[in-house]
Protein backbone atom coordinates (compact mmCIF):
# COMPACT_ATOMS: atom_id res chain seq x y z
CA MET A 1 24.41 149.79 82.86
CA ARG A 2 25.43 146.18 83.48
CA TYR A 3 25.45 144.32 86.76
CA PRO A 4 27.33 140.99 87.15
CA LEU A 5 24.70 138.39 88.01
CA ASP A 6 26.66 135.20 87.44
CA HIS A 7 28.98 134.00 90.18
CA LEU A 8 31.40 131.22 90.90
CA PHE A 9 31.87 130.15 94.49
CA ALA A 10 34.79 127.96 95.53
CA SER A 11 36.37 127.04 98.84
CA LYS A 12 39.81 128.23 99.87
CA HIS A 13 41.20 124.94 98.54
CA PHE A 14 40.90 126.21 94.95
CA LEU A 15 43.15 128.77 93.31
CA LEU A 16 42.03 130.78 90.31
CA VAL A 17 44.21 129.98 87.29
CA GLU A 18 42.25 131.75 84.58
CA LEU A 19 39.12 133.86 84.28
CA ARG A 20 37.90 135.22 80.96
CA ARG A 21 34.76 136.19 79.13
CA LEU A 22 34.02 134.09 76.07
CA PRO A 23 32.45 135.32 72.80
CA HIS A 24 28.83 136.51 72.84
CA ILE A 25 26.25 133.73 72.32
CA GLY A 26 23.07 135.79 72.02
CA SER A 27 22.14 135.59 75.71
CA ASP A 28 21.78 138.34 78.28
CA HIS A 29 24.46 136.45 80.25
CA PHE A 30 28.13 136.45 79.35
CA PRO A 31 29.67 133.02 78.84
CA MET A 32 32.59 132.76 81.24
CA LEU A 33 35.55 130.41 81.48
CA MET A 34 36.96 129.79 84.93
CA ILE A 35 39.87 127.44 85.43
CA LEU A 36 40.59 126.45 89.02
CA ASP A 37 43.43 124.46 90.53
CA TYR A 38 42.59 122.22 93.48
CA GLN A 39 45.25 122.57 96.18
CA PRO A 40 43.92 121.06 99.39
CA GLY A 41 47.01 121.61 101.53
CA ASP A 42 47.00 120.26 105.09
CA SER A 43 43.40 121.24 105.91
CA ALA A 44 41.71 118.86 103.40
CA ASP A 45 41.84 115.90 105.80
CA GLU A 46 40.78 117.81 108.91
CA GLU A 47 37.53 116.66 110.44
CA PRO A 48 35.16 119.52 111.30
CA ARG A 49 34.88 120.11 115.04
CA PRO A 50 32.07 121.87 116.92
CA GLY A 51 32.85 125.31 118.24
CA ALA A 52 32.67 126.38 121.87
CA GLY A 53 29.11 126.03 123.13
CA ASP A 54 27.80 124.29 119.98
CA GLU A 55 27.07 120.99 121.73
CA GLU A 56 25.28 122.71 124.63
CA GLU A 57 23.23 124.81 122.19
CA ALA A 58 22.26 121.68 120.24
CA GLU A 59 21.18 119.87 123.43
CA GLU A 60 19.06 122.88 124.46
CA ALA A 61 17.38 122.96 121.02
CA ILE A 62 16.64 119.23 121.24
CA ASP A 63 15.22 119.59 124.76
CA LYS A 64 13.09 122.55 123.67
CA GLY A 65 11.79 120.59 120.64
CA ASN A 66 10.98 117.57 122.82
CA SER A 67 9.07 119.70 125.34
CA ASN A 68 6.84 121.12 122.54
CA ASN A 69 5.53 117.67 121.61
């Protein structure tokens, strides 16, 4: 029984072009080739913005931390 332990994580800005297993190299891991294509689209230049309530939650955490000192 084999379980895939190796992973590749990429953001939505990358598209998978090719994925293949390479020849055995004597390891218990399979050598893998992953070719990705970077396609940022319109969202690459967007600045992250806090969600609803994030700023209030951050202020509360700061106040709570300050009151513990």
